[in-house]
């Protein structure tokens, strides 16, 4: 168990950040699932900028790796273009 006040605060803070990261990561996965399931090209193209923006934000905050973000964006744009 932590002995210092700052260590106790750090434990609380880490848990809060972990839950926020988990929520944001799950939200991104749901958005990816929705855009992949989309059959209409115009609807998929409308969703693409918001999903790409979400992926970029998560990569910037180190919730996902930069290379993973690049791979996701590349595959998504290829899929939307192929519709």
N, C-alpha and C. Protein backbone atom coordinates (compact mmCIF):
# COMPACT_ATOMS: atom_id res chain seq x y z
N UNK A 1 0.83 -1.19 0.00
CA UNK A 1 0.00 0.00 0.00
C UNK A 1 0.87 1.24 0.00
N UNK A 2 0.38 2.27 -0.64
CA UNK A 2 1.13 3.51 -0.75
C UNK A 2 1.25 4.19 0.61
N UNK A 3 2.39 4.80 0.86
CA UNK A 3 2.64 5.46 2.13
C UNK A 3 2.58 6.98 2.04
N UNK A 4 2.65 7.52 0.83
CA UNK A 4 2.70 8.97 0.67
C UNK A 4 1.39 9.49 0.09
N UNK A 5 1.10 10.72 0.45
CA UNK A 5 -0.11 11.36 -0.03
C UNK A 5 -0.12 11.44 -1.56
N UNK A 6 1.04 11.76 -2.13
CA UNK A 6 1.12 11.90 -3.59
C UNK A 6 0.93 10.54 -4.27
N UNK A 7 1.40 9.47 -3.64
CA UNK A 7 1.24 8.14 -4.23
C UNK A 7 -0.23 7.71 -4.20
N UNK A 8 -0.94 8.08 -3.14
CA UNK A 8 -2.37 7.77 -3.07
C UNK A 8 -3.13 8.53 -4.15
N UNK A 9 -2.76 9.79 -4.35
CA UNK A 9 -3.41 10.58 -5.39
C UNK A 9 -3.10 9.99 -6.76
N UNK A 10 -1.89 9.54 -6.95
CA UNK A 10 -1.48 8.96 -8.23
C UNK A 10 -2.30 7.71 -8.54
N UNK A 11 -2.57 6.89 -7.53
CA UNK A 11 -3.39 5.69 -7.71
C UNK A 11 -4.80 6.08 -8.15
N UNK A 12 -5.37 7.09 -7.49
CA UNK A 12 -6.71 7.55 -7.89
C UNK A 12 -6.70 8.09 -9.30
N UNK A 13 -5.70 8.88 -9.62
CA UNK A 13 -5.60 9.51 -10.93
C UNK A 13 -5.43 8.47 -12.03
N UNK A 14 -4.57 7.48 -11.79
CA UNK A 14 -4.34 6.43 -12.79
C UNK A 14 -5.62 5.69 -13.11
N UNK A 15 -6.42 5.42 -12.11
CA UNK A 15 -7.68 4.71 -12.33
C UNK A 15 -8.64 5.55 -13.17
N UNK A 16 -8.71 6.84 -12.88
CA UNK A 16 -9.59 7.72 -13.64
C UNK A 16 -9.15 7.80 -15.10
N UNK A 17 -7.85 7.92 -15.31
CA UNK A 17 -7.32 8.01 -16.68
C UNK A 17 -7.53 6.69 -17.41
N UNK A 18 -7.34 5.58 -16.72
CA UNK A 18 -7.52 4.26 -17.33
C UNK A 18 -8.95 4.09 -17.82
N UNK A 19 -9.91 4.48 -16.99
CA UNK A 19 -11.31 4.35 -17.37
C UNK A 19 -11.65 5.26 -18.56
N UNK A 20 -11.10 6.47 -18.57
CA UNK A 20 -11.36 7.38 -19.69
C UNK A 20 -10.76 6.83 -20.97
N UNK A 21 -9.52 6.32 -20.90
CA UNK A 21 -8.88 5.74 -22.08
C UNK A 21 -9.67 4.55 -22.60
N UNK A 22 -10.15 3.72 -21.69
CA UNK A 22 -10.90 2.53 -22.09
C UNK A 22 -12.20 2.93 -22.79
N UNK A 23 -12.86 3.96 -22.26
CA UNK A 23 -14.10 4.45 -22.88
C UNK A 23 -13.83 4.98 -24.28
N UNK A 24 -12.78 5.79 -24.43
CA UNK A 24 -12.47 6.38 -25.73
C UNK A 24 -12.07 5.31 -26.75
N UNK A 25 -11.31 4.31 -26.31
CA UNK A 25 -10.88 3.23 -27.19
C UNK A 25 -12.08 2.42 -27.66
N UNK A 26 -13.00 2.14 -26.75
CA UNK A 26 -14.20 1.38 -27.10
C UNK A 26 -15.08 2.19 -28.06
N UNK A 27 -15.19 3.49 -27.84
CA UNK A 27 -15.96 4.35 -28.72
C UNK A 27 -15.38 4.32 -30.14
N UNK A 28 -14.05 4.34 -30.24
CA UNK A 28 -13.41 4.27 -31.55
C UNK A 28 -13.71 2.94 -32.22
N UNK A 29 -13.64 1.85 -31.47
CA UNK A 29 -13.91 0.53 -32.05
C UNK A 29 -15.35 0.44 -32.55
N UNK A 30 -16.30 1.01 -31.81
CA UNK A 30 -17.69 1.02 -32.26
C UNK A 30 -17.86 1.86 -33.53
N UNK A 31 -17.16 2.98 -33.61
CA UNK A 31 -17.24 3.82 -34.81
C UNK A 31 -16.67 3.08 -36.01
N UNK A 32 -15.56 2.35 -35.80
CA UNK A 32 -14.98 1.56 -36.88
C UNK A 32 -15.95 0.48 -37.35
N UNK A 33 -16.60 -0.16 -36.40
CA UNK A 33 -17.56 -1.21 -36.74
C UNK A 33 -18.71 -0.63 -37.55
N UNK A 34 -19.19 0.56 -37.16
CA UNK A 34 -20.30 1.19 -37.86
C UNK A 34 -19.92 1.58 -39.29
N UNK A 35 -18.73 2.13 -39.48
CA UNK A 35 -18.34 2.56 -40.82
C UNK A 35 -18.04 1.35 -41.71
N UNK A 36 -17.51 0.28 -41.13
CA UNK A 36 -17.25 -0.93 -41.92
C UNK A 36 -18.55 -1.61 -42.34
N UNK A 37 -19.59 -1.49 -41.54
CA UNK A 37 -20.87 -2.12 -41.85
C UNK A 37 -21.68 -1.30 -42.84
N UNK A 38 -21.27 -0.07 -43.06
CA UNK A 38 -22.01 0.83 -43.96
C UNK A 38 -21.88 0.35 -45.40
N UNK A 39 -23.02 0.24 -46.09
CA UNK A 39 -23.03 -0.22 -47.49
C UNK A 39 -23.15 0.94 -48.47
N UNK A 40 -23.67 2.06 -48.01
CA UNK A 40 -23.86 3.22 -48.86
C UNK A 40 -22.58 4.05 -48.89
N UNK A 41 -22.06 4.29 -50.10
CA UNK A 41 -20.79 4.99 -50.22
C UNK A 41 -20.87 6.43 -49.70
N UNK A 42 -21.94 7.14 -50.00
CA UNK A 42 -22.04 8.54 -49.57
C UNK A 42 -22.13 8.64 -48.04
N UNK A 43 -22.83 7.70 -47.41
CA UNK A 43 -22.92 7.70 -45.95
C UNK A 43 -21.57 7.37 -45.33
N UNK A 44 -20.85 6.44 -45.93
CA UNK A 44 -19.52 6.07 -45.42
C UNK A 44 -18.55 7.24 -45.57
N UNK A 45 -18.63 7.93 -46.70
CA UNK A 45 -17.76 9.10 -46.91
C UNK A 45 -18.08 10.22 -45.93
N UNK A 46 -19.33 10.32 -45.53
CA UNK A 46 -19.71 11.33 -44.55
C UNK A 46 -19.18 10.99 -43.16
N UNK A 47 -19.12 9.70 -42.84
CA UNK A 47 -18.63 9.25 -41.53
C UNK A 47 -17.11 9.28 -41.44
N UNK A 48 -16.44 9.11 -42.58
CA UNK A 48 -14.98 8.93 -42.58
C UNK A 48 -14.21 10.05 -41.89
N UNK A 49 -14.47 11.34 -42.15
CA UNK A 49 -13.67 12.38 -41.48
C UNK A 49 -13.77 12.35 -39.96
N UNK A 50 -14.95 12.08 -39.43
CA UNK A 50 -15.08 12.06 -37.97
C UNK A 50 -14.34 10.86 -37.37
N UNK A 51 -14.37 9.71 -38.06
CA UNK A 51 -13.68 8.54 -37.55
C UNK A 51 -12.16 8.73 -37.63
N UNK A 52 -11.69 9.30 -38.73
CA UNK A 52 -10.26 9.57 -38.89
C UNK A 52 -9.79 10.55 -37.83
N UNK A 53 -10.62 11.56 -37.55
CA UNK A 53 -10.28 12.54 -36.52
C UNK A 53 -10.19 11.87 -35.15
N UNK A 54 -11.11 10.97 -34.88
CA UNK A 54 -11.10 10.24 -33.61
C UNK A 54 -9.83 9.40 -33.47
N UNK A 55 -9.46 8.72 -34.56
CA UNK A 55 -8.25 7.89 -34.55
C UNK A 55 -7.02 8.76 -34.31
N UNK A 56 -6.95 9.91 -34.98
CA UNK A 56 -5.81 10.82 -34.79
C UNK A 56 -5.71 11.32 -33.36
N UNK A 57 -6.86 11.65 -32.76
CA UNK A 57 -6.87 12.13 -31.38
C UNK A 57 -6.34 11.06 -30.43
N UNK A 58 -6.76 9.81 -30.63
CA UNK A 58 -6.31 8.74 -29.74
C UNK A 58 -4.83 8.47 -29.92
N UNK A 59 -4.33 8.58 -31.14
CA UNK A 59 -2.90 8.38 -31.38
C UNK A 59 -2.09 9.50 -30.73
N UNK A 60 -2.61 10.72 -30.81
CA UNK A 60 -1.91 11.86 -30.23
C UNK A 60 -1.80 11.72 -28.71
N UNK A 61 -2.83 11.14 -28.10
CA UNK A 61 -2.83 10.97 -26.65
C UNK A 61 -2.23 9.64 -26.20
N UNK A 62 -1.63 8.91 -27.11
CA UNK A 62 -0.97 7.63 -26.83
C UNK A 62 -1.93 6.57 -26.29
N UNK A 63 -3.19 6.64 -26.69
CA UNK A 63 -4.13 5.60 -26.32
C UNK A 63 -3.98 4.43 -27.29
N UNK A 64 -3.70 4.75 -28.55
CA UNK A 64 -3.30 3.72 -29.52
C UNK A 64 -1.98 4.16 -30.13
N UNK A 65 -1.25 3.21 -30.69
CA UNK A 65 0.06 3.49 -31.26
C UNK A 65 -0.10 4.24 -32.58
N UNK A 66 0.88 5.07 -32.91
CA UNK A 66 0.83 5.85 -34.15
C UNK A 66 0.73 4.97 -35.39
N UNK A 67 1.46 3.87 -35.40
CA UNK A 67 1.42 2.98 -36.57
C UNK A 67 0.06 2.30 -36.69
N UNK A 68 -0.54 1.94 -35.57
CA UNK A 68 -1.87 1.34 -35.61
C UNK A 68 -2.87 2.34 -36.18
N UNK A 69 -2.74 3.59 -35.77
CA UNK A 69 -3.63 4.63 -36.28
C UNK A 69 -3.47 4.77 -37.79
N UNK A 70 -2.24 4.77 -38.25
CA UNK A 70 -1.99 4.91 -39.69
C UNK A 70 -2.56 3.72 -40.45
N UNK A 71 -2.39 2.52 -39.91
CA UNK A 71 -2.93 1.33 -40.56
C UNK A 71 -4.45 1.37 -40.61
N UNK A 72 -5.09 1.76 -39.51
CA UNK A 72 -6.54 1.83 -39.48
C UNK A 72 -7.07 2.83 -40.51
N UNK A 73 -6.45 4.03 -40.55
CA UNK A 73 -6.90 5.05 -41.49
C UNK A 73 -6.72 4.60 -42.93
N UNK A 74 -5.60 3.96 -43.21
CA UNK A 74 -5.33 3.48 -44.56
C UNK A 74 -6.36 2.44 -45.00
N UNK A 75 -6.62 1.47 -44.13
CA UNK A 75 -7.58 0.41 -44.47
C UNK A 75 -8.98 0.97 -44.62
N UNK A 76 -9.34 1.92 -43.76
CA UNK A 76 -10.68 2.52 -43.84
C UNK A 76 -10.88 3.29 -45.14
N UNK A 77 -9.89 4.11 -45.51
CA UNK A 77 -10.04 4.90 -46.73
C UNK A 77 -10.08 4.00 -47.95
N UNK A 78 -9.30 2.92 -47.95
CA UNK A 78 -9.34 1.97 -49.06
C UNK A 78 -10.71 1.31 -49.15
N UNK A 79 -11.26 0.95 -48.01
CA UNK A 79 -12.56 0.28 -48.00
C UNK A 79 -13.66 1.21 -48.47
N UNK A 80 -13.63 2.46 -48.01
CA UNK A 80 -14.67 3.42 -48.41
C UNK A 80 -14.54 3.73 -49.91
N UNK A 81 -13.32 3.82 -50.39
CA UNK A 81 -13.12 4.10 -51.82
C UNK A 81 -13.61 2.95 -52.69
N UNK A 82 -13.54 1.73 -52.15
CA UNK A 82 -13.95 0.55 -52.93
C UNK A 82 -15.46 0.35 -52.96
N UNK A 83 -16.20 1.08 -52.13
CA UNK A 83 -17.67 0.92 -52.12
C UNK A 83 -18.30 1.36 -53.42
